[in-house]
Amino acid sequence: MIAGLDPIPIQELRISSCPKVWLVDGYLDDLQSLTPIRGEVTAEHQGDMLSVKGDIETVVNLSCDRCLNSFNQQLGFTEQELIWIRETYPNPNPKGITSFKELRFTLPDSMVEIIDPSKEFDPERWIFEHLNLRLEPINLCGSNCPGPTNLSSPKANQNIKHTSHSSENFDPRWSTLKKLIA
């Protein structure tokens, strides 16, 4: 948990005449980073919307999904988001609507999240979610990634021969595989 990033009730933001600003400098429990997460988050109540702005950066250590080597990646974002303040999403299918063409429900532009006015805004959770959205689903160390270990190399063959079982305990169903690695 980053010190000073305490959640703030939406009602407190509504009453405040100025935006709430959090200076960020620390580590998140749920995101292992090499450097402290640094930056700034601002939240401002704007009637039926919560405007949240953030400028955050850090460095994380990842493992390449292709060669399994570790590598460092800079991770950060500059983001502005509008969050709709209301208890629930409007009913997308009000009574009397019989077809999809009659449905006229749309969220205001760029608002896909809602926050209950009786709840609180958690800047630490907001930072965590936005940093995780920037992580690639497949981690590659770079365009020069050597790829998986080549099984035809002499070193790999030594390891395989060293760990293989003697021929008397050999299961014949593995014979094709043995031909490939021999």
N, C-alpha and C. Protein backbone atom coordinates (compact mmCIF):
# COMPACT_ATOMS: atom_id res chain seq x y z
N MET A 1 0.84 -1.18 0.00
CA MET A 1 0.00 0.00 0.00
C MET A 1 0.88 1.24 0.00
N ILE A 2 0.51 2.18 -0.81
CA ILE A 2 1.27 3.43 -0.91
C ILE A 2 0.71 4.41 0.11
N ALA A 3 1.57 4.94 0.94
CA ALA A 3 1.15 5.89 1.97
C ALA A 3 0.51 7.12 1.33
N GLY A 4 -0.60 7.54 1.91
CA GLY A 4 -1.27 8.75 1.43
C GLY A 4 -2.28 8.52 0.34
N LEU A 5 -2.39 7.29 -0.17
CA LEU A 5 -3.36 7.00 -1.24
C LEU A 5 -4.65 6.44 -0.65
N ASP A 6 -5.14 7.07 0.35
CA ASP A 6 -6.36 6.60 1.01
C ASP A 6 -7.58 6.89 0.15
N PRO A 7 -8.54 5.96 0.14
CA PRO A 7 -9.79 6.21 -0.58
C PRO A 7 -10.51 7.42 0.00
N ILE A 8 -11.29 8.08 -0.86
CA ILE A 8 -12.04 9.26 -0.42
C ILE A 8 -13.51 9.07 -0.79
N PRO A 9 -14.42 9.32 0.15
CA PRO A 9 -15.84 9.19 -0.16
C PRO A 9 -16.27 10.16 -1.27
N ILE A 10 -17.15 9.69 -2.13
CA ILE A 10 -17.65 10.53 -3.23
C ILE A 10 -18.32 11.78 -2.68
N GLN A 11 -19.05 11.63 -1.57
CA GLN A 11 -19.73 12.79 -0.97
C GLN A 11 -18.73 13.84 -0.50
N GLU A 12 -17.57 13.42 -0.01
CA GLU A 12 -16.54 14.38 0.39
C GLU A 12 -15.99 15.13 -0.82
N LEU A 13 -15.83 14.42 -1.92
CA LEU A 13 -15.39 15.09 -3.16
C LEU A 13 -16.45 16.08 -3.64
N ARG A 14 -17.73 15.72 -3.49
CA ARG A 14 -18.83 16.59 -3.93
C ARG A 14 -18.83 17.88 -3.13
N ILE A 15 -18.60 17.79 -1.84
CA ILE A 15 -18.63 18.96 -0.97
C ILE A 15 -17.42 19.86 -1.19
N SER A 16 -16.30 19.25 -1.52
CA SER A 16 -15.05 20.00 -1.70
C SER A 16 -15.15 20.95 -2.88
N SER A 17 -14.57 22.11 -2.72
CA SER A 17 -14.61 23.10 -3.81
C SER A 17 -13.43 22.95 -4.77
N CYS A 18 -12.48 22.09 -4.42
CA CYS A 18 -11.33 21.90 -5.31
C CYS A 18 -11.06 20.41 -5.49
N PRO A 19 -10.36 20.04 -6.56
CA PRO A 19 -10.06 18.63 -6.81
C PRO A 19 -9.14 18.06 -5.73
N LYS A 20 -9.22 16.76 -5.53
CA LYS A 20 -8.33 16.05 -4.61
C LYS A 20 -7.14 15.56 -5.41
N VAL A 21 -5.94 15.87 -4.93
CA VAL A 21 -4.71 15.48 -5.62
C VAL A 21 -3.90 14.56 -4.71
N TRP A 22 -3.47 13.43 -5.28
CA TRP A 22 -2.62 12.49 -4.56
C TRP A 22 -1.27 12.45 -5.26
N LEU A 23 -0.19 12.66 -4.51
CA LEU A 23 1.15 12.46 -5.04
C LEU A 23 1.54 11.02 -4.76
N VAL A 24 1.97 10.32 -5.78
CA VAL A 24 2.22 8.88 -5.69
C VAL A 24 3.72 8.64 -5.69
N ASP A 25 4.18 7.90 -4.67
CA ASP A 25 5.59 7.51 -4.60
C ASP A 25 5.69 6.31 -3.67
N GLY A 26 5.65 5.12 -4.25
CA GLY A 26 5.73 3.92 -3.44
C GLY A 26 5.45 2.67 -4.25
N TYR A 27 5.24 1.56 -3.56
CA TYR A 27 5.03 0.27 -4.19
C TYR A 27 3.62 -0.23 -3.89
N LEU A 28 3.00 -0.84 -4.88
CA LEU A 28 1.70 -1.48 -4.70
C LEU A 28 1.91 -2.92 -4.26
N ASP A 29 1.07 -3.41 -3.36
CA ASP A 29 1.19 -4.79 -2.90
C ASP A 29 0.90 -5.78 -4.01
N ASP A 30 -0.04 -5.46 -4.90
CA ASP A 30 -0.49 -6.38 -5.94
C ASP A 30 0.29 -6.29 -7.25
N LEU A 31 1.27 -5.39 -7.33
CA LEU A 31 2.05 -5.24 -8.56
C LEU A 31 3.52 -5.16 -8.19
N GLN A 32 4.27 -6.18 -8.55
CA GLN A 32 5.69 -6.21 -8.23
C GLN A 32 6.43 -5.30 -9.21
N SER A 33 7.00 -4.22 -8.70
CA SER A 33 7.74 -3.30 -9.56
C SER A 33 9.16 -3.13 -9.02
N LEU A 34 10.08 -2.84 -9.94
CA LEU A 34 11.48 -2.64 -9.55
C LEU A 34 11.71 -1.25 -8.97
N THR A 35 11.00 -0.29 -9.51
CA THR A 35 11.13 1.09 -9.04
C THR A 35 9.81 1.51 -8.40
N PRO A 36 9.86 2.50 -7.54
CA PRO A 36 8.60 2.97 -6.96
C PRO A 36 7.67 3.49 -8.05
N ILE A 37 6.40 3.34 -7.80
CA ILE A 37 5.40 3.90 -8.70
C ILE A 37 5.33 5.38 -8.36
N ARG A 38 5.55 6.21 -9.37
CA ARG A 38 5.61 7.65 -9.13
C ARG A 38 4.67 8.38 -10.07
N GLY A 39 4.14 9.48 -9.56
CA GLY A 39 3.28 10.31 -10.39
C GLY A 39 2.26 11.05 -9.56
N GLU A 40 1.12 11.30 -10.21
CA GLU A 40 0.07 12.10 -9.58
C GLU A 40 -1.29 11.65 -10.08
N VAL A 41 -2.27 11.65 -9.18
CA VAL A 41 -3.66 11.34 -9.52
C VAL A 41 -4.52 12.47 -8.98
N THR A 42 -5.47 12.92 -9.81
CA THR A 42 -6.40 13.98 -9.43
C THR A 42 -7.82 13.51 -9.65
N ALA A 43 -8.68 13.73 -8.66
CA ALA A 43 -10.10 13.39 -8.81
C ALA A 43 -10.93 14.64 -8.50
N GLU A 44 -11.91 14.89 -9.37
CA GLU A 44 -12.76 16.07 -9.18
C GLU A 44 -14.21 15.69 -9.45
N HIS A 45 -15.07 16.05 -8.50
CA HIS A 45 -16.51 15.81 -8.63
C HIS A 45 -17.07 16.87 -9.57
N GLN A 46 -17.79 16.43 -10.61
CA GLN A 46 -18.37 17.36 -11.59
C GLN A 46 -19.85 17.04 -11.80
N GLY A 47 -20.65 17.22 -10.76
CA GLY A 47 -22.07 16.94 -10.87
C GLY A 47 -22.37 15.46 -10.87
N ASP A 48 -22.74 14.92 -12.03
CA ASP A 48 -23.03 13.49 -12.11
C ASP A 48 -21.85 12.69 -12.67
N MET A 49 -20.66 13.31 -12.67
CA MET A 49 -19.46 12.65 -13.17
C MET A 49 -18.31 12.86 -12.19
N LEU A 50 -17.41 11.90 -12.18
CA LEU A 50 -16.16 12.02 -11.45
C LEU A 50 -15.06 12.06 -12.49
N SER A 51 -14.33 13.14 -12.54
CA SER A 51 -13.22 13.26 -13.48
C SER A 51 -11.94 12.84 -12.77
N VAL A 52 -11.27 11.82 -13.33
CA VAL A 52 -10.04 11.31 -12.73
C VAL A 52 -8.92 11.44 -13.76
N LYS A 53 -7.83 12.04 -13.34
CA LYS A 53 -6.65 12.19 -14.21
C LYS A 53 -5.46 11.57 -13.49
N GLY A 54 -4.60 10.94 -14.26
CA GLY A 54 -3.41 10.35 -13.67
C GLY A 54 -2.24 10.35 -14.63
N ASP A 55 -1.06 10.53 -14.05
CA ASP A 55 0.19 10.45 -14.79
C ASP A 55 1.13 9.62 -13.92
N ILE A 56 1.32 8.35 -14.29
CA ILE A 56 2.02 7.38 -13.44
C ILE A 56 3.09 6.66 -14.25
N GLU A 57 4.20 6.31 -13.58
CA GLU A 57 5.24 5.51 -14.24
C GLU A 57 5.99 4.65 -13.22
N THR A 58 6.49 3.53 -13.72
CA THR A 58 7.30 2.61 -12.93
C THR A 58 8.05 1.67 -13.88
N VAL A 59 8.84 0.77 -13.34
CA VAL A 59 9.53 -0.26 -14.12
C VAL A 59 9.21 -1.60 -13.47
N VAL A 60 8.80 -2.55 -14.29
CA VAL A 60 8.50 -3.90 -13.80
C VAL A 60 9.46 -4.90 -14.43
N ASN A 61 9.68 -6.02 -13.75
CA ASN A 61 10.50 -7.10 -14.27
C ASN A 61 9.56 -8.21 -14.71
N LEU A 62 9.69 -8.63 -15.97
CA LEU A 62 8.82 -9.66 -16.54
C LEU A 62 9.65 -10.84 -17.02
N SER A 63 9.01 -11.94 -17.25
CA SER A 63 9.66 -13.12 -17.80
C SER A 63 9.16 -13.32 -19.23
N CYS A 64 10.08 -13.46 -20.16
CA CYS A 64 9.72 -13.63 -21.57
C CYS A 64 8.98 -14.96 -21.75
N ASP A 65 7.85 -14.92 -22.42
CA ASP A 65 7.06 -16.12 -22.66
C ASP A 65 7.69 -17.03 -23.71
N ARG A 66 8.65 -16.53 -24.47
CA ARG A 66 9.28 -17.34 -25.52
C ARG A 66 10.58 -17.98 -25.03
N CYS A 67 11.48 -17.19 -24.45
CA CYS A 67 12.79 -17.73 -24.06
C CYS A 67 12.95 -17.88 -22.54
N LEU A 68 12.01 -17.39 -21.78
CA LEU A 68 11.97 -17.47 -20.32
C LEU A 68 13.02 -16.61 -19.62
N ASN A 69 13.73 -15.77 -20.37
CA ASN A 69 14.66 -14.83 -19.74
C ASN A 69 13.87 -13.69 -19.13
N SER A 70 14.40 -13.10 -18.08
CA SER A 70 13.72 -11.95 -17.48
C SER A 70 14.21 -10.67 -18.17
N PHE A 71 13.33 -9.69 -18.17
CA PHE A 71 13.66 -8.39 -18.77
C PHE A 71 12.86 -7.32 -18.06
N ASN A 72 13.37 -6.09 -18.12
CA ASN A 72 12.69 -4.96 -17.49
C ASN A 72 11.87 -4.22 -18.53
N GLN A 73 10.72 -3.73 -18.10
CA GLN A 73 9.85 -2.98 -18.99
C GLN A 73 9.34 -1.74 -18.26
N GLN A 74 9.47 -0.59 -18.93
CA GLN A 74 8.91 0.62 -18.37
C GLN A 74 7.40 0.55 -18.55
N LEU A 75 6.68 0.91 -17.51
CA LEU A 75 5.23 0.82 -17.51
C LEU A 75 4.69 2.13 -16.98
N GLY A 76 3.75 2.69 -17.68
CA GLY A 76 3.17 3.95 -17.21
C GLY A 76 2.00 4.37 -18.07
N PHE A 77 1.36 5.43 -17.63
CA PHE A 77 0.23 5.95 -18.39
C PHE A 77 -0.02 7.40 -18.03
N THR A 78 -0.61 8.10 -18.96
CA THR A 78 -1.20 9.41 -18.75
C THR A 78 -2.64 9.24 -19.19
N GLU A 79 -3.56 9.33 -18.26
CA GLU A 79 -4.95 8.96 -18.52
C GLU A 79 -5.90 9.98 -17.92
N GLN A 80 -7.00 10.19 -18.61
CA GLN A 80 -8.10 10.99 -18.08
C GLN A 80 -9.36 10.17 -18.30
N GLU A 81 -10.14 10.00 -17.24
CA GLU A 81 -11.32 9.16 -17.31
C GLU A 81 -12.49 9.85 -16.62
N LEU A 82 -13.66 9.73 -17.23
CA LEU A 82 -14.90 10.22 -16.62
C LEU A 82 -15.66 9.00 -16.10
N ILE A 83 -16.02 9.03 -14.84
CA ILE A 83 -16.77 7.94 -14.22
C ILE A 83 -18.14 8.49 -13.84
N TRP A 84 -19.16 7.80 -14.29
CA TRP A 84 -20.53 8.23 -14.05
C TRP A 84 -20.89 7.96 -12.59
N ILE A 85 -21.40 8.97 -11.91
CA ILE A 85 -21.80 8.81 -10.51
C ILE A 85 -23.29 8.50 -10.48
N ARG A 86 -23.60 7.25 -10.18
CA ARG A 86 -24.99 6.81 -10.02
C ARG A 86 -24.97 5.43 -9.39
N GLU A 87 -26.08 5.02 -8.83
CA GLU A 87 -26.14 3.75 -8.10
C GLU A 87 -26.01 2.54 -9.01
N THR A 88 -26.70 2.55 -10.13
CA THR A 88 -26.65 1.42 -11.06
C THR A 88 -26.73 1.95 -12.49
N TYR A 89 -26.42 1.06 -13.43
CA TYR A 89 -26.62 1.41 -14.83
C TYR A 89 -28.11 1.55 -15.09
N PRO A 90 -28.51 2.41 -16.01
CA PRO A 90 -29.92 2.49 -16.35
C PRO A 90 -30.39 1.16 -16.93
N ASN A 91 -31.66 0.88 -16.77
CA ASN A 91 -32.23 -0.35 -17.30
C ASN A 91 -32.15 -0.31 -18.82
N PRO A 92 -31.36 -1.22 -19.42
CA PRO A 92 -31.21 -1.19 -20.87
C PRO A 92 -32.44 -1.71 -21.60
N ASN A 93 -33.37 -2.29 -20.89
CA ASN A 93 -34.56 -2.82 -21.53
C ASN A 93 -35.81 -2.39 -20.75
N PRO A 94 -36.17 -1.11 -20.85
CA PRO A 94 -37.36 -0.65 -20.14
C PRO A 94 -38.62 -1.31 -20.67
N LYS A 95 -39.65 -1.32 -19.84
CA LYS A 95 -40.91 -1.94 -20.24
C LYS A 95 -41.44 -1.29 -21.51
N GLY A 96 -42.00 -2.11 -22.35
CA GLY A 96 -42.56 -1.60 -23.60
C GLY A 96 -41.63 -1.74 -24.79
N ILE A 97 -40.36 -2.00 -24.55
CA ILE A 97 -39.40 -2.18 -25.64
C ILE A 97 -39.48 -3.63 -26.09
N THR A 98 -39.76 -3.84 -27.35
CA THR A 98 -39.92 -5.20 -27.85
C THR A 98 -38.81 -5.65 -28.79
N SER A 99 -38.03 -4.72 -29.32
CA SER A 99 -36.96 -5.11 -30.22
C SER A 99 -35.71 -4.30 -29.93
N PHE A 100 -34.59 -4.81 -30.41
CA PHE A 100 -33.31 -4.14 -30.22
C PHE A 100 -33.29 -2.77 -30.89
N LYS A 101 -33.99 -2.63 -32.02
CA LYS A 101 -34.01 -1.36 -32.75
C LYS A 101 -34.67 -0.26 -31.94
N GLU A 102 -35.60 -0.63 -31.06
CA GLU A 102 -36.29 0.37 -30.26
C GLU A 102 -35.45 0.84 -29.07
N LEU A 103 -34.43 0.09 -28.75
CA LEU A 103 -33.62 0.40 -27.58
C LEU A 103 -32.78 1.66 -27.85
N ARG A 104 -32.91 2.65 -27.02
CA ARG A 104 -32.22 3.92 -27.21
C ARG A 104 -31.21 4.21 -26.10
N PHE A 105 -30.88 3.21 -25.28
CA PHE A 105 -29.97 3.42 -24.16
C PHE A 105 -28.52 3.49 -24.63
N THR A 106 -27.85 4.55 -24.26
CA THR A 106 -26.41 4.65 -24.47
C THR A 106 -25.81 5.39 -23.28
N LEU A 107 -24.61 5.04 -22.92
CA LEU A 107 -23.91 5.78 -21.88
C LEU A 107 -23.42 7.08 -22.48
N PRO A 108 -23.28 8.11 -21.66
CA PRO A 108 -22.65 9.33 -22.18
C PRO A 108 -21.28 8.99 -22.75
N ASP A 109 -20.84 9.79 -23.72
CA ASP A 109 -19.57 9.52 -24.40
C ASP A 109 -18.45 9.23 -23.41
N SER A 110 -17.71 8.20 -23.67
CA SER A 110 -16.52 7.74 -22.95
C SER A 110 -16.78 7.31 -21.51
N MET A 111 -18.02 7.22 -21.09
CA MET A 111 -18.28 6.76 -19.72
C MET A 111 -18.71 5.30 -19.75
N VAL A 112 -17.85 4.44 -19.30
CA VAL A 112 -18.19 3.03 -19.26
C VAL A 112 -18.21 2.50 -17.83
N GLU A 113 -17.74 3.30 -16.89
CA GLU A 113 -17.73 2.88 -15.49
C GLU A 113 -18.69 3.75 -14.71
N ILE A 114 -19.22 3.16 -13.65
CA ILE A 114 -20.05 3.92 -12.73
C ILE A 114 -19.49 3.76 -11.33
N ILE A 115 -19.82 4.70 -10.48
CA ILE A 115 -19.46 4.63 -9.07
C ILE A 115 -20.67 5.09 -8.27
N ASP A 116 -20.98 4.33 -7.26
CA ASP A 116 -22.12 4.63 -6.41
C ASP A 116 -21.82 5.90 -5.61
N PRO A 117 -22.75 6.87 -5.54
CA PRO A 117 -22.49 8.11 -4.81
C PRO A 117 -22.27 7.90 -3.31
N SER A 118 -22.71 6.76 -2.78
CA SER A 118 -22.51 6.49 -1.35
C SER A 118 -21.19 5.76 -1.08
N LYS A 119 -20.45 5.43 -2.12
CA LYS A 119 -19.18 4.69 -1.98
C LYS A 119 -18.01 5.67 -1.99
N GLU A 120 -16.81 5.12 -2.15
CA GLU A 120 -15.61 5.95 -2.18
C GLU A 120 -14.76 5.63 -3.39
N PHE A 121 -13.97 6.61 -3.80
CA PHE A 121 -13.03 6.42 -4.91
C PHE A 121 -11.69 6.00 -4.31
N ASP A 122 -11.14 4.90 -4.83
CA ASP A 122 -9.87 4.37 -4.34
C ASP A 122 -8.78 4.63 -5.39
N PRO A 123 -7.92 5.63 -5.18
CA PRO A 123 -6.90 5.96 -6.19
C PRO A 123 -5.89 4.83 -6.38
N GLU A 124 -5.59 4.09 -5.32
CA GLU A 124 -4.63 2.99 -5.45
C GLU A 124 -5.18 1.91 -6.37
N ARG A 125 -6.43 1.57 -6.23
CA ARG A 125 -7.06 0.56 -7.09
C ARG A 125 -7.10 1.07 -8.53
N TRP A 126 -7.41 2.35 -8.71
CA TRP A 126 -7.47 2.96 -10.05
C TRP A 126 -6.10 2.86 -10.73
N ILE A 127 -5.04 3.16 -10.00
CA ILE A 127 -3.68 3.07 -10.54
C ILE A 127 -3.36 1.62 -10.91
N PHE A 128 -3.66 0.69 -10.00
CA PHE A 128 -3.39 -0.73 -10.25
C PHE A 128 -4.08 -1.20 -11.52
N GLU A 129 -5.36 -0.87 -11.67
CA GLU A 129 -6.11 -1.30 -12.85
C GLU A 129 -5.53 -0.72 -14.14
N HIS A 130 -5.17 0.55 -14.13
CA HIS A 130 -4.64 1.17 -15.35
C HIS A 130 -3.24 0.67 -15.69
N LEU A 131 -2.42 0.38 -14.69
CA LEU A 131 -1.10 -0.20 -14.98
C LEU A 131 -1.25 -1.61 -15.55
N ASN A 132 -2.15 -2.39 -14.99
CA ASN A 132 -2.36 -3.75 -15.49
C ASN A 132 -2.92 -3.76 -16.90
N LEU A 133 -3.71 -2.77 -17.25
CA LEU A 133 -4.22 -2.69 -18.62
C LEU A 133 -3.10 -2.44 -19.63
N ARG A 134 -1.99 -1.90 -19.18
CA ARG A 134 -0.87 -1.64 -20.08
C ARG A 134 0.09 -2.82 -20.22
N LEU A 135 -0.08 -3.85 -19.41
CA LEU A 135 0.77 -5.03 -19.55
C LEU A 135 0.31 -5.83 -20.77
N GLU A 136 1.27 -6.28 -21.56
CA GLU A 136 0.97 -7.07 -22.74
C GLU A 136 0.49 -8.46 -22.31
N PRO A 137 -0.43 -9.06 -23.05
CA PRO A 137 -0.86 -10.41 -22.69
C PRO A 137 0.23 -11.45 -22.91
N ILE A 138 1.12 -11.18 -23.86
CA ILE A 138 2.26 -12.06 -24.13
C ILE A 138 3.52 -11.23 -23.94
N ASN A 139 4.37 -11.67 -23.02
CA ASN A 139 5.59 -10.94 -22.73
C ASN A 139 6.73 -11.44 -23.61
N LEU A 140 7.28 -10.54 -24.42
CA LEU A 140 8.44 -10.87 -25.26
C LEU A 140 9.56 -9.90 -24.91
N CYS A 141 10.76 -10.44 -24.73
CA CYS A 141 11.88 -9.61 -24.31
C CYS A 141 12.36 -8.65 -25.39
N GLY A 142 11.98 -8.88 -26.62
CA GLY A 142 12.36 -7.96 -27.69
C GLY A 142 12.37 -8.64 -29.04
N SER A 143 12.70 -7.87 -30.07
CA SER A 143 12.71 -8.42 -31.43
C SER A 143 13.88 -9.39 -31.64
N ASN A 144 14.91 -9.32 -30.80
CA ASN A 144 16.06 -10.22 -30.92
C ASN A 144 15.97 -11.40 -29.96
N CYS A 145 14.77 -11.74 -29.53
CA CYS A 145 14.57 -12.85 -28.59
C CYS A 145 15.12 -14.13 -29.23
N PRO A 146 15.96 -14.89 -28.51
CA PRO A 146 16.53 -16.12 -29.09
C PRO A 146 15.51 -17.25 -29.23
N GLY A 147 14.36 -17.12 -28.63
CA GLY A 147 13.35 -18.16 -28.73
C GLY A 147 13.62 -19.28 -27.75
N PRO A 148 12.87 -20.36 -27.85
CA PRO A 148 13.05 -21.48 -26.92
C PRO A 148 14.41 -22.14 -27.14
N THR A 149 14.87 -22.82 -26.13
CA THR A 149 16.16 -23.52 -26.21
C THR A 149 16.11 -24.53 -27.35
N ASN A 150 17.14 -24.54 -28.15
CA ASN A 150 17.21 -25.43 -29.30
C ASN A 150 17.60 -26.83 -28.82
N LEU A 151 16.74 -27.81 -29.00
CA LEU A 151 17.01 -29.17 -28.54
C LEU A 151 18.08 -29.87 -29.37
N SER A 152 18.45 -29.33 -30.52
CA SER A 152 19.48 -29.99 -31.33
C SER A 152 20.88 -29.54 -30.94
N SER A 153 21.01 -28.63 -29.98
CA SER A 153 22.34 -28.19 -29.58
C SER A 153 23.03 -29.30 -28.78
N PRO A 154 24.37 -29.38 -28.84
CA PRO A 154 25.09 -30.43 -28.12
C PRO A 154 24.83 -30.37 -26.62
N LYS A 155 24.74 -29.18 -26.05
CA LYS A 155 24.51 -29.05 -24.61
C LYS A 155 23.15 -29.63 -24.23
N ALA A 156 22.12 -29.36 -25.03
CA ALA A 156 20.79 -29.89 -24.75
C ALA A 156 20.79 -31.40 -24.85
N ASN A 157 21.49 -31.96 -25.86
CA ASN A 157 21.55 -33.41 -26.01
C ASN A 157 22.25 -34.07 -24.84
N GLN A 158 23.29 -33.42 -24.31
CA GLN A 158 23.98 -33.98 -23.14
C GLN A 158 23.02 -34.07 -21.97
N ASN A 159 22.25 -33.03 -21.76
CA ASN A 159 21.30 -33.03 -20.64
C ASN A 159 20.25 -34.11 -20.83
N ILE A 160 19.77 -34.29 -22.03
CA ILE A 160 18.73 -35.28 -22.28
C ILE A 160 19.28 -36.68 -22.08
N LYS A 161 20.47 -36.95 -22.63
CA LYS A 161 21.06 -38.27 -22.47
C LYS A 161 21.37 -38.56 -21.01
N HIS A 162 21.78 -37.54 -20.29
CA HIS A 162 22.13 -37.71 -18.89
C HIS A 162 20.91 -38.06 -18.05
N THR A 163 19.78 -37.51 -18.37
CA THR A 163 18.58 -37.72 -17.56
C THR A 163 17.71 -38.85 -18.09
N SER A 164 18.02 -39.41 -19.28
CA SER A 164 17.16 -40.46 -19.83
C SER A 164 17.38 -41.77 -19.08
N HIS A 165 16.36 -42.62 -19.10
CA HIS A 165 16.42 -43.91 -18.41
C HIS A 165 17.17 -44.93 -19.27
N SER A 166 17.64 -45.96 -18.64
CA SER A 166 18.34 -47.01 -19.39
C SER A 166 17.36 -47.73 -20.30
N SER A 167 17.89 -48.41 -21.30
CA SER A 167 17.04 -49.04 -22.32
C SER A 167 16.20 -50.17 -21.75
N GLU A 168 16.61 -50.76 -20.65
CA GLU A 168 15.81 -51.85 -20.09
C GLU A 168 14.51 -51.36 -19.48
N ASN A 169 14.45 -50.09 -19.04
CA ASN A 169 13.23 -49.51 -18.48
C ASN A 169 12.49 -48.66 -19.52
N PHE A 170 12.93 -48.72 -20.77
CA PHE A 170 12.39 -47.84 -21.80
C PHE A 170 11.01 -48.32 -22.26
N ASP A 171 10.06 -47.39 -22.31
CA ASP A 171 8.70 -47.66 -22.79
C ASP A 171 8.71 -47.49 -24.30
N PRO A 172 8.36 -48.49 -25.09
CA PRO A 172 8.43 -48.42 -26.55
C PRO A 172 7.52 -47.34 -27.15
N ARG A 173 6.53 -46.89 -26.41
CA ARG A 173 5.65 -45.83 -26.94
C ARG A 173 6.40 -44.51 -27.13
N TRP A 174 7.57 -44.37 -26.48
CA TRP A 174 8.35 -43.15 -26.60
C TRP A 174 9.43 -43.27 -27.68
N SER A 175 9.46 -44.31 -28.43
CA SER A 175 10.54 -44.53 -29.40
C SER A 175 10.64 -43.42 -30.44
N THR A 176 9.53 -42.92 -30.91
CA THR A 176 9.55 -41.83 -31.89
C THR A 176 10.20 -40.59 -31.31
N LEU A 177 9.86 -40.28 -30.10
CA LEU A 177 10.46 -39.13 -29.45
C LEU A 177 11.96 -39.35 -29.24
N LYS A 178 12.35 -40.55 -28.89
CA LYS A 178 13.77 -40.84 -28.68
C LYS A 178 14.55 -40.64 -29.97
N LYS A 179 13.97 -41.00 -31.12
CA LYS A 179 14.63 -40.80 -32.41
C LYS A 179 14.83 -39.30 -32.69
N LEU A 180 13.87 -38.47 -32.28
CA LEU A 180 13.96 -37.03 -32.51
C LEU A 180 15.08 -36.39 -31.71
N ILE A 181 15.29 -36.83 -30.48
CA ILE A 181 16.29 -36.18 -29.63
C ILE A 181 17.65 -36.85 -29.68
N ALA A 182 17.76 -37.98 -30.33
CA ALA A 182 19.04 -38.69 -30.42
C ALA A 182 19.94 -38.09 -31.47
